N, C-alpha and C. Protein backbone atom coordinates (compact mmCIF):
# COMPACT_ATOMS: atom_id res chain seq x y z
N UNK A 1 -1.69 -17.08 -3.50
CA UNK A 1 -2.50 -16.41 -3.86
C UNK A 1 -2.53 -16.10 -5.55
N UNK A 2 -3.48 -15.31 -6.13
CA UNK A 2 -4.03 -16.12 -7.51
C UNK A 2 -3.21 -14.64 -8.25
N UNK A 3 -2.14 -14.32 -7.97
CA UNK A 3 -1.63 -12.98 -8.82
C UNK A 3 -0.06 -13.67 -9.08
N UNK A 4 0.18 -13.63 -10.58
CA UNK A 4 1.42 -14.45 -10.71
C UNK A 4 2.48 -12.94 -11.12
N UNK A 5 3.83 -13.38 -11.15
CA UNK A 5 4.98 -12.55 -11.15
C UNK A 5 4.85 -12.17 -12.62
N UNK A 6 5.54 -10.87 -13.02
CA UNK A 6 5.96 -10.83 -14.72
C UNK A 6 7.11 -10.38 -15.12
N UNK A 7 7.92 -10.00 -15.74
CA UNK A 7 8.80 -9.69 -15.76
C UNK A 7 8.93 -8.25 -15.54
N UNK A 8 10.51 -7.51 -15.16
CA UNK A 8 10.12 -6.31 -14.92
C UNK A 8 9.75 -5.01 -16.18
N UNK A 9 10.09 -5.62 -17.60
CA UNK A 9 9.90 -5.04 -18.74
C UNK A 9 8.65 -4.52 -19.01
N UNK A 10 7.57 -5.19 -18.02
CA UNK A 10 6.35 -4.47 -18.62
C UNK A 10 5.88 -3.78 -18.35
N UNK A 11 5.15 -2.29 -18.92
CA UNK A 11 5.10 -1.46 -18.43
C UNK A 11 4.17 -1.20 -17.24
N UNK A 12 4.42 -0.58 -16.34
CA UNK A 12 3.91 0.14 -15.11
C UNK A 12 2.37 0.50 -15.59
N UNK A 13 1.61 1.00 -16.36
CA UNK A 13 0.54 0.95 -17.12
C UNK A 13 -0.05 0.09 -17.31
N UNK A 14 0.16 -1.19 -17.83
CA UNK A 14 -0.07 -2.50 -17.77
C UNK A 14 -0.43 -3.02 -16.73
N UNK A 15 0.68 -3.06 -15.85
CA UNK A 15 -0.02 -4.19 -14.77
C UNK A 15 -0.87 -3.89 -13.94
N UNK A 16 -1.59 -4.52 -12.86
CA UNK A 16 -2.99 -5.14 -12.68
C UNK A 16 -2.62 -5.52 -11.56
N UNK A 17 -3.38 -5.72 -10.34
CA UNK A 17 -3.94 -6.44 -8.90
C UNK A 17 -4.98 -5.45 -8.56
N UNK A 18 -5.20 -6.49 -7.49
CA UNK A 18 -5.99 -5.97 -6.99
C UNK A 18 -5.57 -4.87 -5.43
N UNK A 19 -4.72 -4.70 -5.34
CA UNK A 19 -4.09 -3.55 -4.68
C UNK A 19 -4.14 -2.34 -5.67
N UNK A 20 -3.30 -2.38 -6.94
CA UNK A 20 -3.23 -1.09 -8.07
C UNK A 20 -4.13 -0.71 -8.14
N UNK A 21 -5.45 -1.10 -8.70
CA UNK A 21 -6.79 -1.38 -8.80
C UNK A 21 -7.16 0.27 -7.16
N UNK A 22 -7.13 -0.24 -6.24
CA UNK A 22 -7.00 0.52 -5.57
C UNK A 22 -5.53 1.96 -5.11
N UNK A 23 -4.50 2.07 -5.76
CA UNK A 23 -3.92 2.93 -5.92
C UNK A 23 -4.46 4.99 -5.98
N UNK A 24 -5.42 4.75 -6.81
CA UNK A 24 -5.97 5.82 -6.51
C UNK A 24 -6.52 6.40 -5.41
N UNK A 25 -6.81 5.86 -4.43
CA UNK A 25 -7.29 6.23 -3.07
C UNK A 25 -6.05 7.22 -2.51
N UNK A 26 -4.95 6.51 -2.43
CA UNK A 26 -3.72 7.08 -1.90
C UNK A 26 -3.39 8.12 -2.67
N UNK A 27 -2.88 7.56 -3.75
CA UNK A 27 -2.64 8.77 -4.64
C UNK A 27 -3.19 10.31 -4.45
N UNK A 28 -5.16 10.24 -4.72
CA UNK A 28 -5.01 11.59 -4.62
C UNK A 28 -4.70 12.03 -2.86
N UNK A 29 -4.18 11.29 -2.13
CA UNK A 29 -3.54 11.88 -0.77
C UNK A 29 -2.67 12.45 -0.91
N UNK A 30 -1.92 13.04 -1.92
CA UNK A 30 -0.74 13.47 -2.31
C UNK A 30 -0.52 14.81 -2.45
N UNK A 31 0.18 15.52 -2.40
CA UNK A 31 -0.56 17.31 -2.52
C UNK A 31 1.27 18.19 -2.34
N UNK A 32 1.88 17.59 -3.21
CA UNK A 32 3.10 18.15 -3.59
C UNK A 32 3.83 18.12 -2.33
N UNK A 33 3.57 17.35 -1.64
CA UNK A 33 4.31 17.02 -0.03
C UNK A 33 5.75 15.56 -0.21
N UNK A 34 5.86 15.69 1.23
CA UNK A 34 6.82 14.52 1.33
C UNK A 34 5.94 13.39 1.75
N UNK A 35 6.45 12.14 0.57
CA UNK A 35 5.93 11.10 0.54
C UNK A 35 6.82 9.51 1.35
N UNK A 36 6.17 8.77 1.97
CA UNK A 36 6.62 7.93 2.38
C UNK A 36 6.04 6.71 2.16
N UNK A 37 6.47 6.21 1.21
CA UNK A 37 5.59 4.37 0.71
C UNK A 37 6.41 3.07 0.92
N UNK A 38 5.30 2.61 2.52
CA UNK A 38 5.81 1.44 3.12
C UNK A 38 5.82 0.66 2.33
N UNK A 39 6.60 -0.14 2.64
CA UNK A 39 6.51 -1.70 1.80
C UNK A 39 6.47 -1.69 0.35
N UNK A 40 7.61 -0.47 -0.34
CA UNK A 40 7.54 -0.62 -1.55
C UNK A 40 7.62 -1.50 -2.76
N UNK A 41 7.93 -2.35 -2.51
CA UNK A 41 8.56 -3.60 -3.54
C UNK A 41 9.02 -3.04 -4.17
N UNK A 42 8.80 -3.53 -5.92
CA UNK A 42 9.42 -2.77 -6.74
C UNK A 42 9.35 -1.75 -7.16
N UNK A 43 8.40 -0.58 -6.46
CA UNK A 43 8.61 0.48 -6.78
C UNK A 43 7.01 1.13 -7.87
N UNK A 44 6.28 0.49 -7.86
CA UNK A 44 5.15 0.97 -8.85
C UNK A 44 4.49 1.90 -8.12
N UNK A 45 4.24 2.01 -6.92
CA UNK A 45 3.06 3.14 -6.39
C UNK A 45 4.33 3.93 -6.10
N UNK A 46 5.84 3.79 -5.65
CA UNK A 46 6.77 5.09 -5.34
C UNK A 46 6.49 5.97 -6.86
N UNK A 47 6.79 5.49 -7.80
CA UNK A 47 6.91 5.65 -8.99
C UNK A 47 4.98 6.66 -9.54
N UNK A 48 4.20 6.31 -8.93
CA UNK A 48 3.12 6.67 -9.44
C UNK A 48 2.84 8.19 -8.42
N UNK A 49 3.60 8.05 -7.23
CA UNK A 49 3.43 9.34 -6.55
C UNK A 49 4.22 10.11 -6.72
N UNK A 50 5.30 9.94 -7.38
CA UNK A 50 6.51 11.04 -8.14
C UNK A 50 6.26 12.27 -8.20
N UNK A 51 5.16 12.50 -9.84
CA UNK A 51 4.96 13.58 -10.26
C UNK A 51 3.92 14.77 -9.04
N UNK A 52 3.73 14.01 -8.27
CA UNK A 52 2.05 14.10 -7.58
C UNK A 52 2.89 14.94 -6.38
N UNK A 53 4.21 14.95 -6.41
CA UNK A 53 5.36 15.24 -4.91
C UNK A 53 6.01 15.83 -4.84
N UNK A 54 6.62 16.48 -3.74
CA UNK A 54 8.24 16.85 -3.54
C UNK A 54 8.99 16.25 -3.69
N UNK A 55 9.07 15.19 -2.86
CA UNK A 55 10.21 13.89 -2.49
C UNK A 55 9.33 12.29 -2.02
N UNK A 56 9.80 11.85 -2.79
CA UNK A 56 8.96 10.12 -2.32
C UNK A 56 10.16 9.58 -1.68
N UNK A 57 10.22 8.36 -0.62
CA UNK A 57 10.96 7.59 -0.18
C UNK A 57 10.16 6.54 -0.12
N UNK A 58 10.75 5.20 -0.61
CA UNK A 58 10.37 3.99 -0.44
C UNK A 58 10.68 3.06 0.43
N UNK A 59 10.29 2.30 1.07
CA UNK A 59 11.43 1.62 2.05
C UNK A 59 10.60 0.37 1.99
N UNK A 60 11.85 -0.53 1.94
CA UNK A 60 11.26 -2.17 2.44
C UNK A 60 12.68 -2.62 2.75
N UNK A 61 12.23 -4.05 3.06
CA UNK A 61 13.08 -4.76 3.74
C UNK A 61 13.96 -5.72 3.08
N UNK A 62 13.36 -5.71 1.45
CA UNK A 62 13.72 -6.92 0.99
C UNK A 62 14.31 -6.50 -0.54
N UNK A 63 16.00 -7.04 -0.06
CA UNK A 63 17.17 -6.29 -1.19
C UNK A 63 16.84 -6.23 -2.72
N UNK A 64 16.34 -7.53 -2.79
CA UNK A 64 15.79 -7.43 -4.53
C UNK A 64 14.96 -6.70 -4.66
N UNK A 65 13.90 -6.82 -4.02
CA UNK A 65 12.63 -5.15 -4.83
C UNK A 65 13.29 -4.33 -4.58
N UNK A 66 14.64 -3.92 -3.99
CA UNK A 66 14.71 -2.33 -3.96
C UNK A 66 15.82 -2.67 -4.94
N UNK A 67 16.18 -2.89 -5.33
CA UNK A 67 17.18 -3.20 -6.21
C UNK A 67 16.92 -2.95 -7.86
N UNK A 68 15.36 -3.91 -7.79
CA UNK A 68 14.57 -3.96 -8.91
C UNK A 68 13.98 -2.32 -8.95
N UNK A 69 13.35 -1.85 -7.94
CA UNK A 69 12.77 -0.65 -7.71
C UNK A 69 13.55 0.06 -8.10
N UNK A 70 15.08 0.47 -8.02
CA UNK A 70 15.90 1.43 -7.96
C UNK A 70 16.05 1.31 -9.70
N UNK A 71 16.03 -0.05 -9.91
CA UNK A 71 16.74 0.10 -11.74
C UNK A 71 15.04 0.24 -12.22
N UNK A 72 14.01 0.57 -12.21
CA UNK A 72 12.99 0.66 -13.16
C UNK A 72 12.57 2.17 -12.78
N UNK A 73 13.36 2.84 -11.72
CA UNK A 73 13.10 4.67 -11.48
C UNK A 73 13.80 5.25 -11.87
N UNK A 74 13.57 6.57 -12.23
CA UNK A 74 14.49 7.63 -13.14
C UNK A 74 13.76 8.88 -12.75
N UNK A 75 12.76 8.69 -11.39
CA UNK A 75 12.54 10.50 -11.27
C UNK A 75 13.56 10.66 -10.43
N UNK A 76 13.44 12.01 -10.41
CA UNK A 76 14.50 12.66 -9.55
C UNK A 76 14.37 12.93 -8.32
N UNK A 77 12.96 12.63 -7.83
CA UNK A 77 12.83 13.15 -7.12
C UNK A 77 12.36 11.84 -5.23
N UNK A 78 13.20 10.93 -6.01
CA UNK A 78 12.37 9.28 -5.65
C UNK A 78 13.85 8.71 -4.94
N UNK A 79 13.64 8.11 -3.83
CA UNK A 79 15.10 7.72 -3.34
C UNK A 79 14.60 6.30 -2.64
N UNK A 80 15.02 5.41 -2.80
CA UNK A 80 14.98 4.25 -1.92
C UNK A 80 15.39 3.80 -0.92
N UNK A 81 14.98 3.11 0.19
CA UNK A 81 15.85 2.89 1.37
C UNK A 81 15.61 1.21 1.80
N UNK A 82 16.80 0.62 1.71
CA UNK A 82 16.62 -1.13 2.40
C UNK A 82 16.40 -1.04 3.57
N UNK A 83 15.37 -1.56 4.00
CA UNK A 83 15.31 -1.62 5.63
C UNK A 83 13.42 -0.97 6.53
N UNK A 84 13.57 -1.62 7.95
CA UNK A 84 12.53 -2.07 8.16
C UNK A 84 11.94 -0.36 9.04
N UNK A 85 10.40 -0.20 8.70
CA UNK A 85 9.97 1.22 8.55
C UNK A 85 9.68 1.64 9.95
N UNK A 86 9.76 0.56 10.87
CA UNK A 86 9.49 0.33 12.66
C UNK A 86 10.93 0.42 13.25
N UNK A 87 11.88 0.46 12.59
CA UNK A 87 13.36 0.82 13.12
C UNK A 87 13.96 1.72 12.32
N UNK A 88 13.53 2.41 11.43
CA UNK A 88 14.08 3.23 10.47
C UNK A 88 14.21 4.47 11.28
N UNK A 89 15.53 5.67 10.76
CA UNK A 89 16.02 6.60 11.40
C UNK A 89 15.27 7.91 11.00
N UNK A 90 13.81 7.41 10.21
CA UNK A 90 13.23 8.75 9.86
C UNK A 90 13.07 9.81 11.14
N UNK A 91 13.14 10.89 10.92
CA UNK A 91 13.07 11.49 11.58
C UNK A 91 10.87 11.72 12.34
N UNK A 92 10.72 11.70 13.27
CA UNK A 92 8.81 11.78 14.03
C UNK A 92 8.51 13.16 12.58
N UNK A 93 7.47 12.82 12.40
CA UNK A 93 6.70 14.25 11.80
C UNK A 93 7.06 14.78 10.63
N UNK A 94 7.69 13.71 9.79
CA UNK A 94 8.47 14.16 8.72
C UNK A 94 7.83 13.99 7.39
N UNK A 95 7.07 13.47 7.17
CA UNK A 95 6.15 13.23 5.83
C UNK A 95 4.67 13.47 5.66
N UNK A 96 4.21 14.26 5.23
CA UNK A 96 2.90 14.67 4.61
C UNK A 96 2.05 13.77 4.26
N UNK A 97 2.45 12.60 3.95
CA UNK A 97 1.19 11.24 3.56
C UNK A 97 2.40 10.04 3.64
N UNK A 98 2.00 9.30 4.57
CA UNK A 98 2.66 7.99 4.85
C UNK A 98 1.36 6.82 4.06
N UNK A 99 2.17 6.20 2.82
CA UNK A 99 1.43 5.16 2.35
C UNK A 99 1.28 4.01 2.45
N UNK A 100 0.65 3.25 2.76
CA UNK A 100 1.01 1.48 3.38
C UNK A 100 0.33 0.69 2.66
N UNK A 101 0.25 -0.31 1.43
CA UNK A 101 -0.12 -1.63 1.18
C UNK A 101 0.43 -2.71 1.73
N UNK A 102 0.77 -2.64 3.08
CA UNK A 102 1.50 -3.98 3.30
C UNK A 102 1.37 -4.14 4.73
N UNK A 103 0.35 -3.39 4.98
CA UNK A 103 0.05 -4.01 6.38
C UNK A 103 0.02 -4.90 7.51
N UNK A 104 -0.44 -6.30 6.73
CA UNK A 104 -0.57 -7.46 6.62
C UNK A 104 0.94 -7.60 7.19
N UNK A 105 2.38 -7.13 6.47
CA UNK A 105 3.36 -7.56 7.37
C UNK A 105 3.80 -7.16 8.12
N UNK A 106 3.00 -6.18 9.50
CA UNK A 106 3.15 -5.48 10.59
C UNK A 106 2.41 -6.48 11.34
N UNK A 107 3.01 -5.70 12.80
CA UNK A 107 1.92 -6.33 13.66
C UNK A 107 1.16 -4.87 13.81
N UNK A 108 -0.03 -5.13 13.26
CA UNK A 108 -0.75 -4.31 12.83
C UNK A 108 -0.81 -2.89 14.05
N UNK A 109 -0.98 -2.93 15.41
CA UNK A 109 -1.06 -1.86 16.09
C UNK A 109 0.12 -1.57 16.54
N UNK A 110 1.17 -1.87 16.25
CA UNK A 110 2.74 -1.03 16.31
C UNK A 110 3.22 -0.60 14.75
N UNK A 111 2.40 -1.37 13.62
CA UNK A 111 2.43 -0.47 12.71
C UNK A 111 1.77 1.22 12.63
N UNK A 112 0.38 1.35 12.95
CA UNK A 112 -0.28 2.22 12.89
C UNK A 112 0.14 3.46 13.67
N UNK A 113 0.64 3.11 14.87
CA UNK A 113 1.55 3.65 15.71
C UNK A 113 2.88 4.45 15.18
N UNK A 114 3.46 3.43 14.37
CA UNK A 114 4.81 4.33 13.74
C UNK A 114 3.97 5.07 12.39
N UNK A 115 3.68 4.18 11.93
CA UNK A 115 2.89 5.34 11.00
C UNK A 115 2.25 6.59 11.10
N UNK A 116 1.63 6.26 12.31
CA UNK A 116 1.08 8.08 12.59
C UNK A 116 2.21 9.08 13.50
N UNK A 117 3.54 8.26 13.63
CA UNK A 117 4.16 9.01 14.21
C UNK A 117 5.03 9.49 13.66
N UNK A 118 5.27 9.42 12.36
CA UNK A 118 6.12 9.84 11.17
C UNK A 118 5.09 10.72 9.98
N UNK A 119 4.22 11.29 10.96
CA UNK A 119 3.02 11.98 9.79
C UNK A 119 3.16 13.46 10.68
N UNK A 120 3.34 14.69 9.69
CA UNK A 120 3.43 15.72 9.94
C UNK A 120 1.90 16.15 10.40
N UNK A 121 1.82 17.36 11.44
CA UNK A 121 0.29 17.65 11.57
C UNK A 121 -0.64 18.11 10.03
N UNK A 122 -1.77 17.80 10.14
CA UNK A 122 -2.36 17.71 9.04
C UNK A 122 -1.71 16.60 7.96
N UNK A 123 -0.92 16.38 8.14
CA UNK A 123 -1.16 14.80 6.97
C UNK A 123 -1.38 13.81 7.33
N UNK A 124 -1.47 13.15 6.97
CA UNK A 124 -2.31 11.71 6.13
C UNK A 124 -1.32 10.20 6.17
N UNK A 125 -2.40 9.43 7.02
CA UNK A 125 -1.56 7.58 6.68
C UNK A 125 -2.90 7.14 5.79
N UNK A 126 -2.55 6.89 5.16
CA UNK A 126 -2.90 5.93 4.11
C UNK A 126 -3.18 4.66 3.92
N UNK A 127 -4.05 3.83 3.94
CA UNK A 127 -3.60 2.30 4.11
C UNK A 127 -4.20 1.52 3.23
N UNK A 128 -4.31 0.69 2.58
CA UNK A 128 -5.07 -0.30 1.21
C UNK A 128 -4.25 -1.47 2.00
N UNK A 129 -5.59 -2.01 2.93
CA UNK A 129 -5.05 -3.64 3.34
C UNK A 129 -6.33 -4.42 2.92
N UNK A 130 -5.74 -5.59 3.39
CA UNK A 130 -6.32 -7.12 3.04
C UNK A 130 -6.58 -7.98 4.00
N UNK A 131 -7.49 -8.16 4.21
CA UNK A 131 -8.23 -8.93 5.43
C UNK A 131 -8.68 -10.18 5.48
N UNK A 132 -8.58 -10.62 6.08
CA UNK A 132 -8.46 -12.68 6.33
C UNK A 132 -10.17 -12.46 6.01
N UNK A 133 -10.33 -13.82 5.36
CA UNK A 133 -11.89 -13.36 4.59
C UNK A 133 -12.64 -14.50 6.10
N UNK A 134 -13.72 -14.55 5.63
CA UNK A 134 -14.96 -14.89 6.58
C UNK A 134 -15.66 -15.53 6.00
N UNK A 135 -15.63 -17.30 6.06
CA UNK A 135 -16.55 -17.70 4.90
C UNK A 135 -17.71 -18.19 5.41
N UNK A 136 -19.10 -18.65 5.08
CA UNK A 136 -19.15 -18.34 3.59
C UNK A 136 -19.50 -16.66 3.47
N UNK A 137 -19.10 -16.07 4.33
CA UNK A 137 -20.04 -14.74 3.94
C UNK A 137 -19.40 -13.51 3.07
N UNK A 138 -18.40 -14.00 2.96
CA UNK A 138 -17.22 -13.11 2.00
C UNK A 138 -17.16 -13.78 0.45
N UNK A 139 -18.13 -14.92 0.42
CA UNK A 139 -17.88 -15.80 -0.92
C UNK A 139 -18.46 -14.68 -2.09
N UNK A 140 -19.60 -14.14 -1.84
CA UNK A 140 -20.10 -13.25 -2.98
C UNK A 140 -18.97 -12.28 -3.29
N UNK A 141 -18.47 -11.33 -2.58
CA UNK A 141 -17.50 -10.78 -2.62
C UNK A 141 -16.53 -11.34 -3.61
N UNK A 142 -16.17 -12.68 -3.18
CA UNK A 142 -14.50 -13.19 -3.35
C UNK A 142 -14.99 -13.55 -5.17
N UNK A 143 -15.84 -13.98 -5.79
CA UNK A 143 -16.44 -14.23 -6.86
C UNK A 143 -16.65 -12.95 -7.29
N UNK A 144 -16.97 -11.75 -7.17
CA UNK A 144 -16.67 -10.43 -7.83
C UNK A 144 -15.77 -10.03 -8.07
N UNK A 145 -14.85 -10.42 -7.12
CA UNK A 145 -13.28 -9.95 -7.07
C UNK A 145 -12.68 -10.85 -8.20
N UNK A 146 -12.94 -11.93 -8.29
CA UNK A 146 -12.10 -13.10 -9.52
C UNK A 146 -12.55 -12.52 -10.90
N UNK A 147 -14.26 -12.02 -10.73
CA UNK A 147 -14.52 -11.47 -12.08
C UNK A 147 -13.92 -10.46 -12.63
N UNK A 148 -13.99 -9.02 -11.70
CA UNK A 148 -13.51 -8.13 -11.82
C UNK A 148 -11.27 -8.45 -12.42
N UNK A 149 -10.88 -9.29 -11.62
CA UNK A 149 -9.71 -9.63 -12.10
C UNK A 149 -9.32 -10.51 -13.86
N UNK A 150 -10.09 -11.63 -14.32
CA UNK A 150 -10.63 -11.67 -15.61
C UNK A 150 -11.40 -10.79 -16.33
N UNK A 151 -12.04 -9.78 -16.19
CA UNK A 151 -12.27 -8.77 -16.89
C UNK A 151 -11.07 -7.67 -17.71
N UNK A 152 -10.08 -7.51 -16.57
CA UNK A 152 -8.94 -6.83 -16.95
C UNK A 152 -7.96 -7.66 -17.09
N UNK A 153 -8.12 -8.96 -17.03
CA UNK A 153 -6.80 -9.25 -17.84
C UNK A 153 -6.98 -10.09 -19.61
N UNK A 154 -8.70 -10.13 -19.39
CA UNK A 154 -8.84 -10.42 -20.62
C UNK A 154 -9.37 -9.56 -22.02
N UNK A 155 -10.36 -8.45 -20.53
CA UNK A 155 -10.31 -7.59 -21.95
C UNK A 155 -9.88 -6.57 -22.12
N UNK A 156 -9.45 -6.20 -20.89
CA UNK A 156 -8.52 -4.56 -21.05
C UNK A 156 -6.90 -5.08 -21.77
N UNK A 157 -6.71 -6.10 -21.55
CA UNK A 157 -5.19 -6.98 -21.92
C UNK A 157 -3.85 -6.90 -20.62
N UNK A 158 -4.50 -6.36 -19.30
CA UNK A 158 -3.26 -6.25 -18.24
C UNK A 158 -2.66 -6.73 -18.28
N UNK A 159 -1.74 -7.11 -17.52
CA UNK A 159 -1.11 -7.99 -16.89
C UNK A 159 -1.01 -8.74 -15.73
N UNK A 160 -1.27 -9.37 -14.80
CA UNK A 160 -1.52 -9.68 -13.72
C UNK A 160 -0.18 -9.66 -12.96
N UNK A 161 -0.13 -8.86 -12.14
CA UNK A 161 1.32 -8.00 -11.30
C UNK A 161 1.45 -8.78 -9.67
N UNK A 162 2.31 -9.36 -9.56
CA UNK A 162 2.77 -9.50 -8.30
C UNK A 162 5.01 -8.99 -7.95
N UNK A 163 3.84 -8.67 -6.70
CA UNK A 163 5.77 -8.11 -6.46
C UNK A 163 6.41 -9.76 -6.11
N UNK A 164 7.99 -10.10 -6.15
CA UNK A 164 8.49 -10.76 -5.84
C UNK A 164 9.60 -11.12 -4.37
N UNK A 165 8.80 -9.76 -3.50
CA UNK A 165 9.08 -9.96 -2.17
C UNK A 165 8.67 -11.08 -1.51
N UNK A 166 8.87 -11.40 -0.18
CA UNK A 166 7.80 -12.77 0.67
C UNK A 166 6.70 -12.54 0.76
N UNK A 167 5.54 -12.82 0.93
CA UNK A 167 4.22 -13.35 0.93
C UNK A 167 4.34 -13.41 2.62
N UNK A 168 3.32 -12.66 3.14
CA UNK A 168 2.80 -13.39 4.17
C UNK A 168 1.21 -13.65 3.61
N UNK A 169 0.41 -14.51 4.18
CA UNK A 169 -0.51 -15.23 3.67
C UNK A 169 -0.71 -16.30 4.99
N UNK A 170 -2.01 -17.13 5.29
CA UNK A 170 -3.15 -15.60 5.08
C UNK A 170 -2.69 -14.11 6.10
N UNK A 171 -4.08 -13.21 5.93
CA UNK A 171 -3.60 -11.84 6.28
C UNK A 171 -4.10 -12.67 7.88
N UNK A 172 -3.11 -11.71 9.03
CA UNK A 172 -3.25 -12.17 10.48
C UNK A 172 -4.75 -11.87 10.85
N UNK A 173 -5.28 -10.81 10.25
CA UNK A 173 -6.39 -10.23 11.18
C UNK A 173 -7.75 -9.91 10.02
N UNK A 174 -8.66 -10.31 10.75
CA UNK A 174 -10.02 -9.31 9.20
C UNK A 174 -10.56 -8.59 9.65
N UNK A 175 -11.28 -8.19 8.58
CA UNK A 175 -11.13 -6.17 8.37
C UNK A 175 -12.59 -5.91 9.25
N UNK A 176 -13.32 -6.89 10.33
CA UNK A 176 -13.66 -6.49 11.02
C UNK A 176 -12.76 -5.93 12.32
N UNK A 177 -11.91 -6.61 12.69
CA UNK A 177 -10.26 -6.67 13.51
C UNK A 177 -10.44 -5.34 12.87
N UNK A 178 -10.07 -5.33 12.01
CA UNK A 178 -8.56 -4.20 11.57
C UNK A 178 -9.70 -2.77 11.94
N UNK A 179 -11.25 -2.59 11.49
CA UNK A 179 -11.93 -1.67 11.65
C UNK A 179 -12.01 -1.31 12.93
N UNK A 180 -12.14 -2.02 14.12
CA UNK A 180 -11.79 -1.60 15.02
C UNK A 180 -10.85 -1.52 15.77
N UNK A 181 -9.85 -2.11 15.13
CA UNK A 181 -8.33 -1.90 16.09
C UNK A 181 -8.07 -0.19 15.27
N UNK A 182 -8.17 0.08 14.16
CA UNK A 182 -7.89 1.31 13.44
C UNK A 182 -8.92 2.73 14.27
N UNK A 183 -9.66 2.21 14.29
CA UNK A 183 -11.04 3.09 15.58
C UNK A 183 -9.78 3.63 16.55
N UNK A 184 -9.33 2.78 17.86
CA UNK A 184 -8.80 2.73 18.58
C UNK A 184 -7.65 3.40 18.70
N UNK A 185 -6.51 2.83 17.32
CA UNK A 185 -5.21 3.59 17.26
C UNK A 185 -5.42 4.45 16.76
N UNK A 186 -6.07 4.96 15.77
CA UNK A 186 -6.08 6.08 14.62
C UNK A 186 -7.71 7.02 14.91
N UNK A 187 -7.41 7.38 16.53
CA UNK A 187 -8.90 8.49 16.25
C UNK A 187 -9.51 8.85 15.46
N UNK A 188 -10.71 9.07 14.78
CA UNK A 188 -11.20 9.71 13.76
C UNK A 188 -11.05 9.57 12.45
N UNK A 189 -10.18 8.09 12.19
CA UNK A 189 -10.13 7.40 10.88
C UNK A 189 -10.66 7.20 10.35
N UNK A 190 -10.77 7.03 8.49
CA UNK A 190 -12.26 6.39 8.17
C UNK A 190 -11.68 4.95 7.58
N UNK A 191 -12.90 4.41 7.72
CA UNK A 191 -12.35 2.93 7.33
C UNK A 191 -13.25 2.17 6.79
N UNK A 192 -12.82 1.84 5.06
CA UNK A 192 -14.09 1.43 4.79
C UNK A 192 -13.77 0.10 3.83
N UNK A 193 -14.85 -0.96 3.54
CA UNK A 193 -14.72 -2.24 3.18
C UNK A 193 -14.66 -1.53 1.61
N UNK A 194 -13.91 -2.42 0.50
CA UNK A 194 -14.09 -2.69 -0.82
C UNK A 194 -14.35 -4.01 -1.36
N UNK A 195 -14.79 -3.36 -2.82
CA UNK A 195 -15.31 -4.88 -3.51
C UNK A 195 -14.17 -5.85 -4.26
N UNK A 196 -13.25 -5.92 -4.20
CA UNK A 196 -11.96 -6.32 -4.39
C UNK A 196 -11.53 -7.09 -3.48
N UNK A 197 -11.99 -6.98 -2.46
CA UNK A 197 -11.49 -8.11 -1.46
C UNK A 197 -10.17 -7.25 -0.79
N UNK A 198 -10.49 -5.69 -0.62
CA UNK A 198 -9.49 -4.76 0.17
C UNK A 198 -10.14 -3.90 0.86
N UNK A 199 -9.31 -3.60 1.89
CA UNK A 199 -10.24 -2.29 2.82
C UNK A 199 -8.99 -1.01 2.63
N UNK A 200 -9.55 0.06 3.51
CA UNK A 200 -8.82 1.04 3.15
C UNK A 200 -9.06 2.17 4.65
N UNK A 201 -8.02 2.65 5.25
CA UNK A 201 -7.97 3.18 5.91
C UNK A 201 -7.57 4.64 5.88
N UNK A 202 -8.27 5.84 6.06
CA UNK A 202 -7.48 6.77 5.50
C UNK A 202 -7.71 7.78 7.05
N UNK A 203 -6.62 8.57 7.58
CA UNK A 203 -6.37 9.35 8.77
C UNK A 203 -5.84 10.38 8.52
N UNK A 204 -5.82 11.71 9.53
CA UNK A 204 -5.40 12.53 9.48
C UNK A 204 -4.65 13.40 10.34
N UNK A 205 -3.73 13.32 10.61
CA UNK A 205 -3.19 13.68 12.08
C UNK A 205 -3.60 15.26 12.49
N UNK A 206 -3.77 15.16 13.89
CA UNK A 206 -4.18 16.50 14.34
C UNK A 206 -3.37 17.59 13.84
N UNK A 207 -3.88 18.88 13.77
CA UNK A 207 -3.18 19.60 13.54
C UNK A 207 -2.49 20.61 14.26
N UNK A 208 -2.98 19.91 15.34
CA UNK A 208 -2.12 20.45 16.76
C UNK A 208 -1.92 19.61 17.97
């Protein structure tokens, strides 16, 4: 990947990558409820949720990432859990929002089913995902993503950010495959392709 790790001292607002670019799609789903940030890494998105939520729980299986997240977080309504969300003891239907930016680290179907099971009636699952490129079809989008990254680094002065946790690359599924899977597993979900080499899945749990 083309994203270099940074020192923890870099301020959150200066960090940028193609996932962070789409964090607002997840943040707008928070509504002063309980949020689960799956694969929280160093806790950037978890901290962004803090002022928008009554409670935020970040979970990640990588111990150094959880230690870093705890060291950088001061909000009192944030907790971090070292563990695997698929086997964690969270109560079913206990979160108003399950936020995920690491779906490619999971068996996608198993992951989506688990996220849905943890979501309260009327709550949301929000995913920012990375699909496996199809070449040469995706070359124009990759070129645009590279240009945007260059702009944020050189013009806006952002620091290109990446977590130190283990990386899964390439992603196991194409965006077309994820679109089909999300429609099957989360009926009524909204799937969108985005220009920065990302896709989003937004699903609202039925109220009854």
